[in-house]
Structure formats: C-alpha cells, structure tokens
C-alpha cells in the first residue's frame, strides 16, 4: 500500500474532525459541571448547597432530640394518667320505700388500677347521711351494699382492657 499526499490529508482531516468533536463534547460537559458546581458553591451570594444540607442535618438532629424528649414525656404522662381517678360509676336509687325520686346514690371513682373510693349518700325525709369506703384493686375492705357494688362494677368496667393491676 502506498502512502500518497491525498491519503495523508484525509487521515489528518479525520483525526482533526475527531479532535474537534471531542473538544466540543468536553466543552459541553465542562459547562454542565461548572453549572453544577455553582449550585453547590453558590458563588452568587446565596448559601451553598453544602451549607444548606449541613443546616438541615442539624435541624433534623434537633427534631430527633425533640421527639425523643416528647416520647419520654408521653411515657411519664401515661404513667401519671394511670393513677388519675378517671373511671366513675354512679347508681341512683330509693333508699326507703316511702320516698321516691331516687335521691340516694352511690358513686365509685377509681384509677386504672382499681384504686379509689366509693361514696354513698342516703337521703331520708329529715336527714342525709354520707359514707365513704376505700377501694384497692376494685375491692373494699368492708362490705359493700348492692348499690355500691353496682357502682364499683360500672367504674371498673371503664378501665382499659378491663384489667386491674
């Protein structure tokens, strides 16, 4: 094969065309990289992408700490709420056959553990008497009247899952 001037010019032209194409491609890629770098470095006076990400990371860490603190507060509140007298049962009745209007009542008030009290007021024509009996675990140390037992049953029925701890 002979190498003449015309073949050399064609080969050099092809190499020059390939070099020109490669330089255009590299110029485009370099321009895109510069734009991306400008976004990251924020040379126009705005906060850089890296600074924004760092700030947001700190904010997220702060939020995580807040959530952890709130979770602890919630557990404490739930424990306190279990000891709050919040389950109530009331039974109204006529203590004496000659009186109507169901003016007598027994009211039981207990916490989630069944601890609390039952208060009974017996209303008669000339007087009223009140009695209070302590409850532990939904039970009293003294005998309860049927009305008091019904009031305690209503109050204990309001305890979540019906459990008395």
Foldseek 3Di string as FASTA:
>chain_A
DDDDPVNVVVVVVVVVVVVVVVVVVVVVVVVVVVVVVCQQPVPVPDHGPVRVVVVVVVVVVVVVVVVVVVVVVVVVVVVVQQADFDFKFKDFDQPDPVDDDSPKMKMFTGGLQLWGKIKTWHDDPPDIDIDIFTTGSLDTPDDDDPRNNRGSVRRCVPRVVSDHD
